[in-house]
Amino acid sequence: MLRMTIPTLCLALAAPAAADEPERVAFFGLTFLDTSMQTEMFGENPDETARLAMLEEMVRDRFEAEGFALVPLDPVAERLESTVNPAKCYGCDTRMAQTLEADYSLVGEVQKVSNLILSMNLQMREAGSGDMVRGRVVDIRSNTDESWSRGMRYILDRTFFPEDSE
């Protein structure tokens, strides 16, 4: 079961045209937040770590398939490593994206409230201004590969690339 928890921001984001240069995206990955206390009590769950990697690959693959260029993060690796959560760092994501000469910053989170309730979000900001271009939050039920991938597909299909899913 998916439920949108905040409205989609509706600023224009056009997929790159068949121009010389595709639009450049700095994807800083997804951050896992466990507010269920399970990680603290029982340690890191390798299934959740694998699911996070699966979602990151899904996002990368989709953006590349849509014609965006994902920029290498090597020049900001040290800054990124010292950032706990690029989605909530007071604009450090867009500053790093500017350093990388990217057009956009892309960040996200998966928050585990319990094994039954999780929330995920993906946000894209314009590197130069920091303005949100697209973003969505969905709640998912159950902590499985299927529910995680279904949640991220929903975000990508309904918010980032809706014209491809109609």
N, C-alpha and C. Protein backbone atom coordinates (compact mmCIF):
# COMPACT_ATOMS: atom_id res chain seq x y z
N MET A 1 0.84 -1.18 0.00
CA MET A 1 0.00 0.00 0.00
C MET A 1 0.88 1.23 0.00
N LEU A 2 0.68 2.13 -0.94
CA LEU A 2 1.43 3.37 -1.03
C LEU A 2 0.51 4.53 -0.72
N ARG A 3 1.04 5.51 -0.04
CA ARG A 3 0.24 6.69 0.27
C ARG A 3 1.14 7.90 0.16
N MET A 4 0.75 8.87 -0.63
CA MET A 4 1.51 10.09 -0.74
C MET A 4 1.27 10.91 0.52
N THR A 5 2.36 11.38 1.14
CA THR A 5 2.19 12.10 2.38
C THR A 5 2.40 13.60 2.25
N ILE A 6 3.02 14.07 1.18
CA ILE A 6 3.08 15.50 0.94
C ILE A 6 2.82 15.72 -0.54
N PRO A 7 2.34 16.89 -0.91
CA PRO A 7 2.05 17.13 -2.32
C PRO A 7 3.32 17.19 -3.14
N THR A 8 3.20 16.78 -4.36
CA THR A 8 4.30 16.85 -5.30
C THR A 8 4.55 18.30 -5.66
N LEU A 9 5.80 18.69 -5.69
CA LEU A 9 6.13 20.03 -6.14
C LEU A 9 6.12 20.04 -7.64
N CYS A 10 5.49 21.02 -8.22
CA CYS A 10 5.18 20.97 -9.65
C CYS A 10 5.97 21.98 -10.47
N LEU A 11 7.23 22.13 -10.23
CA LEU A 11 8.03 22.97 -11.10
C LEU A 11 8.45 22.14 -12.30
N ALA A 12 8.73 22.80 -13.39
CA ALA A 12 9.03 22.07 -14.63
C ALA A 12 10.38 21.38 -14.54
N LEU A 13 10.39 20.15 -14.99
CA LEU A 13 11.63 19.39 -15.16
C LEU A 13 11.47 18.64 -16.47
N ALA A 14 12.17 19.11 -17.46
CA ALA A 14 12.08 18.44 -18.76
C ALA A 14 13.24 17.47 -18.88
N ALA A 15 12.97 16.31 -19.40
CA ALA A 15 14.04 15.37 -19.68
C ALA A 15 14.92 16.01 -20.73
N PRO A 16 16.20 15.72 -20.67
CA PRO A 16 17.10 16.37 -21.61
C PRO A 16 16.73 16.06 -23.05
N ALA A 17 16.75 17.08 -23.85
CA ALA A 17 16.47 16.90 -25.27
C ALA A 17 17.70 16.30 -25.92
N ALA A 18 17.54 15.91 -27.15
CA ALA A 18 18.66 15.34 -27.89
C ALA A 18 19.64 16.44 -28.26
N ALA A 19 20.15 17.13 -27.27
CA ALA A 19 21.11 18.21 -27.47
C ALA A 19 22.52 17.66 -27.34
N ASP A 20 23.48 18.54 -27.47
CA ASP A 20 24.87 18.12 -27.37
C ASP A 20 25.20 17.60 -25.98
N GLU A 21 24.70 18.29 -24.98
CA GLU A 21 25.04 17.97 -23.59
C GLU A 21 23.80 17.56 -22.81
N PRO A 22 23.79 16.38 -22.23
CA PRO A 22 22.66 16.02 -21.36
C PRO A 22 22.75 16.79 -20.05
N GLU A 23 21.62 16.98 -19.40
CA GLU A 23 21.63 17.62 -18.10
C GLU A 23 22.37 16.72 -17.12
N ARG A 24 23.11 17.35 -16.22
CA ARG A 24 24.00 16.63 -15.31
C ARG A 24 23.40 16.58 -13.90
N VAL A 25 23.41 15.39 -13.32
CA VAL A 25 22.83 15.17 -12.00
C VAL A 25 23.90 14.63 -11.06
N ALA A 26 24.01 15.24 -9.88
CA ALA A 26 24.87 14.73 -8.82
C ALA A 26 23.98 13.94 -7.87
N PHE A 27 24.04 12.62 -7.98
CA PHE A 27 23.22 11.76 -7.12
C PHE A 27 24.05 11.36 -5.91
N PHE A 28 23.66 11.87 -4.75
CA PHE A 28 24.40 11.64 -3.52
C PHE A 28 23.89 10.44 -2.73
N GLY A 29 23.07 9.63 -3.36
CA GLY A 29 22.61 8.40 -2.74
C GLY A 29 21.43 8.60 -1.82
N LEU A 30 21.10 7.51 -1.13
CA LEU A 30 19.98 7.48 -0.21
C LEU A 30 20.50 7.23 1.19
N THR A 31 19.91 7.87 2.16
CA THR A 31 20.29 7.69 3.55
C THR A 31 19.24 6.84 4.25
N PHE A 32 19.68 5.86 5.03
CA PHE A 32 18.77 5.01 5.79
C PHE A 32 18.68 5.54 7.22
N LEU A 33 17.47 5.83 7.65
CA LEU A 33 17.22 6.32 9.01
C LEU A 33 16.36 5.28 9.73
N ASP A 34 16.88 4.70 10.80
CA ASP A 34 16.12 3.70 11.54
C ASP A 34 15.66 4.30 12.86
N THR A 35 14.42 4.76 12.88
CA THR A 35 13.85 5.30 14.12
C THR A 35 13.09 4.22 14.88
N SER A 36 13.16 2.98 14.40
CA SER A 36 12.49 1.87 15.08
C SER A 36 13.30 1.35 16.25
N MET A 37 14.56 1.73 16.31
CA MET A 37 15.49 1.28 17.35
C MET A 37 15.98 -0.15 17.12
N GLN A 38 15.53 -0.82 16.07
CA GLN A 38 15.97 -2.19 15.82
C GLN A 38 17.46 -2.26 15.53
N THR A 39 17.98 -1.33 14.72
CA THR A 39 19.40 -1.34 14.41
C THR A 39 20.22 -1.14 15.68
N GLU A 40 19.76 -0.22 16.51
CA GLU A 40 20.46 0.04 17.77
C GLU A 40 20.47 -1.20 18.66
N MET A 41 19.36 -1.93 18.68
CA MET A 41 19.24 -3.09 19.56
C MET A 41 19.89 -4.35 18.98
N PHE A 42 19.73 -4.57 17.66
CA PHE A 42 20.16 -5.83 17.06
C PHE A 42 21.28 -5.70 16.03
N GLY A 43 21.69 -4.50 15.74
CA GLY A 43 22.73 -4.28 14.75
C GLY A 43 22.14 -4.09 13.36
N GLU A 44 23.02 -3.76 12.44
CA GLU A 44 22.61 -3.49 11.06
C GLU A 44 22.03 -4.73 10.41
N ASN A 45 20.94 -4.55 9.68
CA ASN A 45 20.29 -5.65 8.98
C ASN A 45 20.84 -5.70 7.55
N PRO A 46 21.54 -6.78 7.18
CA PRO A 46 22.12 -6.85 5.84
C PRO A 46 21.07 -6.79 4.73
N ASP A 47 19.85 -7.25 4.99
CA ASP A 47 18.79 -7.17 3.99
C ASP A 47 18.45 -5.71 3.68
N GLU A 48 18.40 -4.87 4.71
CA GLU A 48 18.09 -3.46 4.51
C GLU A 48 19.23 -2.74 3.79
N THR A 49 20.45 -3.11 4.11
CA THR A 49 21.61 -2.54 3.42
C THR A 49 21.56 -2.89 1.93
N ALA A 50 21.22 -4.13 1.62
CA ALA A 50 21.10 -4.57 0.22
C ALA A 50 19.94 -3.86 -0.47
N ARG A 51 18.85 -3.65 0.24
CA ARG A 51 17.69 -2.96 -0.35
C ARG A 51 18.03 -1.51 -0.68
N LEU A 52 18.78 -0.86 0.20
CA LEU A 52 19.18 0.52 -0.06
C LEU A 52 20.04 0.58 -1.32
N ALA A 53 20.98 -0.35 -1.46
CA ALA A 53 21.82 -0.41 -2.67
C ALA A 53 20.96 -0.69 -3.90
N MET A 54 19.95 -1.54 -3.77
CA MET A 54 19.04 -1.86 -4.87
C MET A 54 18.31 -0.59 -5.33
N LEU A 55 17.82 0.22 -4.38
CA LEU A 55 17.12 1.45 -4.73
C LEU A 55 18.04 2.45 -5.39
N GLU A 56 19.27 2.56 -4.88
CA GLU A 56 20.22 3.49 -5.48
C GLU A 56 20.51 3.11 -6.92
N GLU A 57 20.67 1.83 -7.17
CA GLU A 57 20.90 1.35 -8.53
C GLU A 57 19.67 1.64 -9.41
N MET A 58 18.48 1.43 -8.86
CA MET A 58 17.25 1.70 -9.59
C MET A 58 17.18 3.17 -10.01
N VAL A 59 17.51 4.07 -9.10
CA VAL A 59 17.48 5.50 -9.38
C VAL A 59 18.52 5.84 -10.45
N ARG A 60 19.75 5.37 -10.26
CA ARG A 60 20.80 5.63 -11.25
C ARG A 60 20.39 5.14 -12.64
N ASP A 61 19.93 3.90 -12.70
CA ASP A 61 19.55 3.31 -13.99
C ASP A 61 18.44 4.11 -14.66
N ARG A 62 17.45 4.54 -13.89
CA ARG A 62 16.32 5.26 -14.48
C ARG A 62 16.75 6.62 -15.00
N PHE A 63 17.55 7.35 -14.22
CA PHE A 63 18.00 8.66 -14.68
C PHE A 63 18.87 8.54 -15.93
N GLU A 64 19.74 7.56 -15.96
CA GLU A 64 20.57 7.35 -17.16
C GLU A 64 19.69 6.96 -18.35
N ALA A 65 18.71 6.10 -18.13
CA ALA A 65 17.81 5.68 -19.22
C ALA A 65 17.01 6.86 -19.76
N GLU A 66 16.75 7.85 -18.90
CA GLU A 66 15.99 9.03 -19.31
C GLU A 66 16.89 10.09 -19.96
N GLY A 67 18.18 9.81 -20.07
CA GLY A 67 19.08 10.71 -20.78
C GLY A 67 19.86 11.69 -19.92
N PHE A 68 19.80 11.55 -18.61
CA PHE A 68 20.59 12.41 -17.73
C PHE A 68 21.99 11.82 -17.58
N ALA A 69 22.96 12.69 -17.35
CA ALA A 69 24.33 12.25 -17.09
C ALA A 69 24.57 12.33 -15.58
N LEU A 70 24.94 11.22 -14.97
CA LEU A 70 25.27 11.23 -13.54
C LEU A 70 26.76 11.55 -13.41
N VAL A 71 27.04 12.58 -12.67
CA VAL A 71 28.42 13.04 -12.56
C VAL A 71 29.18 12.22 -11.51
N PRO A 72 30.47 11.98 -11.72
CA PRO A 72 31.27 11.30 -10.70
C PRO A 72 31.40 12.18 -9.46
N LEU A 73 31.36 11.55 -8.29
CA LEU A 73 31.39 12.28 -7.03
C LEU A 73 32.79 12.39 -6.43
N ASP A 74 33.78 11.84 -7.09
CA ASP A 74 35.15 11.81 -6.56
C ASP A 74 35.66 13.17 -6.05
N PRO A 75 35.44 14.27 -6.79
CA PRO A 75 35.97 15.55 -6.30
C PRO A 75 35.39 16.01 -4.97
N VAL A 76 34.23 15.50 -4.57
CA VAL A 76 33.64 15.91 -3.29
C VAL A 76 33.54 14.73 -2.32
N ALA A 77 34.25 13.66 -2.60
CA ALA A 77 34.14 12.44 -1.79
C ALA A 77 34.42 12.69 -0.31
N GLU A 78 35.43 13.49 -0.01
CA GLU A 78 35.78 13.76 1.39
C GLU A 78 34.65 14.53 2.09
N ARG A 79 34.11 15.54 1.42
CA ARG A 79 32.99 16.31 2.00
C ARG A 79 31.76 15.42 2.17
N LEU A 80 31.50 14.59 1.18
CA LEU A 80 30.35 13.70 1.23
C LEU A 80 30.49 12.69 2.36
N GLU A 81 31.69 12.17 2.54
CA GLU A 81 31.95 11.18 3.60
C GLU A 81 31.69 11.78 4.98
N SER A 82 31.96 13.06 5.15
CA SER A 82 31.76 13.69 6.46
C SER A 82 30.33 14.21 6.64
N THR A 83 29.48 14.01 5.65
CA THR A 83 28.08 14.45 5.73
C THR A 83 27.21 13.28 6.17
N VAL A 84 26.54 13.42 7.28
CA VAL A 84 25.71 12.35 7.81
C VAL A 84 24.53 12.05 6.89
N ASN A 85 23.85 13.10 6.43
CA ASN A 85 22.67 12.92 5.59
C ASN A 85 22.61 14.05 4.56
N PRO A 86 23.01 13.77 3.32
CA PRO A 86 22.99 14.83 2.29
C PRO A 86 21.61 15.42 2.02
N ALA A 87 20.56 14.72 2.40
CA ALA A 87 19.20 15.25 2.20
C ALA A 87 18.85 16.31 3.24
N LYS A 88 19.59 16.35 4.32
CA LYS A 88 19.30 17.31 5.40
C LYS A 88 20.61 17.93 5.91
N CYS A 89 21.24 18.68 5.03
CA CYS A 89 22.53 19.27 5.41
C CYS A 89 22.59 20.76 5.08
N TYR A 90 21.42 21.40 5.11
CA TYR A 90 21.34 22.85 4.90
C TYR A 90 21.98 23.30 3.59
N GLY A 91 21.72 22.56 2.52
CA GLY A 91 22.17 22.96 1.20
C GLY A 91 23.55 22.48 0.79
N CYS A 92 24.17 21.63 1.60
CA CYS A 92 25.50 21.14 1.21
C CYS A 92 25.41 20.33 -0.07
N ASP A 93 24.27 19.68 -0.31
CA ASP A 93 24.12 18.89 -1.54
C ASP A 93 24.19 19.77 -2.78
N THR A 94 23.52 20.92 -2.74
CA THR A 94 23.56 21.79 -3.92
C THR A 94 24.92 22.46 -4.07
N ARG A 95 25.58 22.76 -2.95
CA ARG A 95 26.92 23.33 -3.04
C ARG A 95 27.90 22.31 -3.64
N MET A 96 27.78 21.04 -3.21
CA MET A 96 28.63 20.00 -3.80
C MET A 96 28.28 19.81 -5.28
N ALA A 97 27.00 19.88 -5.63
CA ALA A 97 26.60 19.74 -7.03
C ALA A 97 27.19 20.88 -7.87
N GLN A 98 27.23 22.08 -7.33
CA GLN A 98 27.85 23.20 -8.04
C GLN A 98 29.34 22.93 -8.26
N THR A 99 30.01 22.43 -7.22
CA THR A 99 31.44 22.10 -7.35
C THR A 99 31.65 21.10 -8.47
N LEU A 100 30.70 20.17 -8.61
CA LEU A 100 30.80 19.12 -9.64
C LEU A 100 30.30 19.59 -11.01
N GLU A 101 29.88 20.86 -11.08
CA GLU A 101 29.32 21.44 -12.30
C GLU A 101 28.10 20.67 -12.80
N ALA A 102 27.31 20.21 -11.84
CA ALA A 102 26.05 19.51 -12.15
C ALA A 102 24.93 20.53 -12.24
N ASP A 103 23.89 20.17 -12.98
CA ASP A 103 22.70 21.02 -13.06
C ASP A 103 21.79 20.81 -11.86
N TYR A 104 21.79 19.58 -11.34
CA TYR A 104 20.88 19.21 -10.26
C TYR A 104 21.59 18.38 -9.19
N SER A 105 21.06 18.49 -7.99
CA SER A 105 21.42 17.62 -6.87
C SER A 105 20.25 16.66 -6.66
N LEU A 106 20.55 15.38 -6.41
CA LEU A 106 19.51 14.38 -6.17
C LEU A 106 19.86 13.63 -4.90
N VAL A 107 18.93 13.65 -3.93
CA VAL A 107 19.14 13.01 -2.63
C VAL A 107 17.86 12.31 -2.20
N GLY A 108 17.98 11.38 -1.28
CA GLY A 108 16.79 10.71 -0.77
C GLY A 108 17.04 10.03 0.55
N GLU A 109 15.94 9.56 1.13
CA GLU A 109 16.00 8.87 2.42
C GLU A 109 15.00 7.73 2.44
N VAL A 110 15.33 6.73 3.23
CA VAL A 110 14.38 5.69 3.61
C VAL A 110 14.37 5.70 5.13
N GLN A 111 13.19 5.93 5.71
CA GLN A 111 13.07 5.95 7.16
C GLN A 111 12.25 4.74 7.60
N LYS A 112 12.85 3.96 8.49
CA LYS A 112 12.17 2.80 9.04
C LYS A 112 11.57 3.18 10.39
N VAL A 113 10.25 3.19 10.45
CA VAL A 113 9.55 3.45 11.70
C VAL A 113 9.39 2.13 12.45
N SER A 114 9.08 1.08 11.69
CA SER A 114 8.98 -0.28 12.22
C SER A 114 9.11 -1.22 11.03
N ASN A 115 9.05 -2.52 11.26
CA ASN A 115 9.09 -3.46 10.14
C ASN A 115 7.84 -3.37 9.28
N LEU A 116 6.82 -2.75 9.79
CA LEU A 116 5.57 -2.60 9.04
C LEU A 116 5.48 -1.25 8.34
N ILE A 117 6.06 -0.22 8.91
CA ILE A 117 5.89 1.14 8.38
C ILE A 117 7.25 1.73 8.02
N LEU A 118 7.38 2.08 6.74
CA LEU A 118 8.57 2.77 6.26
C LEU A 118 8.14 3.93 5.38
N SER A 119 9.02 4.90 5.26
CA SER A 119 8.76 6.07 4.44
C SER A 119 9.99 6.31 3.58
N MET A 120 9.78 6.69 2.33
CA MET A 120 10.93 7.01 1.48
C MET A 120 10.65 8.28 0.71
N ASN A 121 11.74 9.00 0.41
CA ASN A 121 11.59 10.21 -0.37
C ASN A 121 12.77 10.38 -1.30
N LEU A 122 12.53 11.14 -2.36
CA LEU A 122 13.56 11.48 -3.32
C LEU A 122 13.33 12.94 -3.68
N GLN A 123 14.42 13.73 -3.66
CA GLN A 123 14.32 15.16 -3.90
C GLN A 123 15.38 15.59 -4.91
N MET A 124 14.96 16.40 -5.86
CA MET A 124 15.87 16.94 -6.86
C MET A 124 15.84 18.45 -6.76
N ARG A 125 17.03 19.05 -6.58
CA ARG A 125 17.12 20.51 -6.47
C ARG A 125 18.03 21.05 -7.57
N GLU A 126 17.72 22.25 -7.99
CA GLU A 126 18.57 22.93 -8.95
C GLU A 126 19.86 23.32 -8.24
N ALA A 127 20.99 22.97 -8.82
CA ALA A 127 22.27 23.21 -8.16
C ALA A 127 22.53 24.70 -7.94
N GLY A 128 22.23 25.51 -8.93
CA GLY A 128 22.54 26.94 -8.83
C GLY A 128 21.73 27.68 -7.79
N SER A 129 20.46 27.39 -7.68
CA SER A 129 19.58 28.14 -6.78
C SER A 129 19.21 27.39 -5.51
N GLY A 130 19.30 26.06 -5.54
CA GLY A 130 18.85 25.25 -4.42
C GLY A 130 17.35 25.01 -4.42
N ASP A 131 16.65 25.54 -5.43
CA ASP A 131 15.20 25.37 -5.52
C ASP A 131 14.84 23.92 -5.81
N MET A 132 13.79 23.46 -5.15
CA MET A 132 13.29 22.11 -5.40
C MET A 132 12.68 22.07 -6.79
N VAL A 133 13.06 21.05 -7.55
CA VAL A 133 12.52 20.85 -8.90
C VAL A 133 11.45 19.78 -8.86
N ARG A 134 11.77 18.69 -8.21
CA ARG A 134 10.81 17.59 -8.04
C ARG A 134 11.09 16.93 -6.70
N GLY A 135 10.05 16.35 -6.12
CA GLY A 135 10.23 15.63 -4.88
C GLY A 135 8.95 14.94 -4.46
N ARG A 136 9.09 13.82 -3.82
CA ARG A 136 7.92 13.09 -3.34
C ARG A 136 8.32 12.23 -2.16
N VAL A 137 7.35 12.04 -1.26
CA VAL A 137 7.48 11.14 -0.12
C VAL A 137 6.35 10.12 -0.24
N VAL A 138 6.68 8.86 -0.02
CA VAL A 138 5.65 7.82 0.04
C VAL A 138 5.88 6.99 1.29
N ASP A 139 4.78 6.50 1.83
CA ASP A 139 4.83 5.53 2.92
C ASP A 139 4.63 4.17 2.30
N ILE A 140 5.38 3.19 2.79
CA ILE A 140 5.21 1.82 2.33
C ILE A 140 4.93 0.93 3.52
N ARG A 141 4.30 -0.18 3.24
CA ARG A 141 3.98 -1.15 4.28
C ARG A 141 4.75 -2.43 3.99
N SER A 142 5.43 -2.91 4.96
CA SER A 142 6.25 -4.12 4.99
C SER A 142 7.67 -3.83 4.56
N ASN A 143 8.57 -4.55 5.14
CA ASN A 143 10.00 -4.35 4.97
C ASN A 143 10.55 -5.46 4.07
N THR A 144 10.20 -5.39 2.78
CA THR A 144 10.62 -6.43 1.83
C THR A 144 11.22 -5.78 0.58
N ASP A 145 11.94 -6.58 -0.19
CA ASP A 145 12.49 -6.09 -1.46
C ASP A 145 11.36 -5.55 -2.33
N GLU A 146 10.27 -6.28 -2.40
CA GLU A 146 9.14 -5.89 -3.26
C GLU A 146 8.54 -4.56 -2.83
N SER A 147 8.31 -4.36 -1.54
CA SER A 147 7.69 -3.11 -1.10
C SER A 147 8.63 -1.92 -1.30
N TRP A 148 9.92 -2.11 -1.05
CA TRP A 148 10.88 -1.03 -1.26
C TRP A 148 10.94 -0.65 -2.74
N SER A 149 11.07 -1.63 -3.62
CA SER A 149 11.19 -1.31 -5.04
C SER A 149 9.89 -0.73 -5.58
N ARG A 150 8.76 -1.19 -5.10
CA ARG A 150 7.47 -0.65 -5.54
C ARG A 150 7.35 0.81 -5.11
N GLY A 151 7.79 1.14 -3.91
CA GLY A 151 7.75 2.52 -3.44
C GLY A 151 8.61 3.45 -4.29
N MET A 152 9.83 3.01 -4.61
CA MET A 152 10.71 3.87 -5.42
C MET A 152 10.21 3.97 -6.86
N ARG A 153 9.68 2.89 -7.40
CA ARG A 153 9.10 2.96 -8.75
C ARG A 153 7.96 3.96 -8.79
N TYR A 154 7.15 3.97 -7.75
CA TYR A 154 6.04 4.92 -7.66
C TYR A 154 6.57 6.36 -7.70
N ILE A 155 7.59 6.64 -6.92
CA ILE A 155 8.18 7.98 -6.91
C ILE A 155 8.70 8.34 -8.29
N LEU A 156 9.46 7.45 -8.89
CA LEU A 156 10.05 7.73 -10.21
C LEU A 156 8.98 7.88 -11.28
N ASP A 157 8.01 6.96 -11.29
CA ASP A 157 6.98 6.97 -12.34
C ASP A 157 5.99 8.10 -12.19
N ARG A 158 5.62 8.44 -10.97
CA ARG A 158 4.56 9.43 -10.75
C ARG A 158 5.07 10.86 -10.63
N THR A 159 6.33 11.04 -10.26
CA THR A 159 6.81 12.38 -9.97
C THR A 159 7.93 12.81 -10.91
N PHE A 160 8.90 11.96 -11.11
CA PHE A 160 10.06 12.35 -11.90
C PHE A 160 9.86 12.12 -13.40
N PHE A 161 9.24 11.03 -13.77
CA PHE A 161 9.06 10.70 -15.19
C PHE A 161 7.64 10.23 -15.48
N PRO A 162 6.65 11.08 -15.16
CA PRO A 162 5.25 10.63 -15.32
C PRO A 162 4.84 10.38 -16.76
N GLU A 163 5.45 11.07 -17.69
CA GLU A 163 5.06 10.89 -19.10
C GLU A 163 5.42 9.50 -19.60
N ASP A 164 6.38 8.83 -18.97
CA ASP A 164 6.78 7.48 -19.38
C ASP A 164 5.83 6.41 -18.85
N SER A 165 5.04 6.73 -17.84
CA SER A 165 4.22 5.72 -17.18
C SER A 165 2.76 5.77 -17.58
N GLU A 166 2.40 6.69 -18.41
CA GLU A 166 0.97 6.82 -18.75
C GLU A 166 0.55 5.80 -19.78
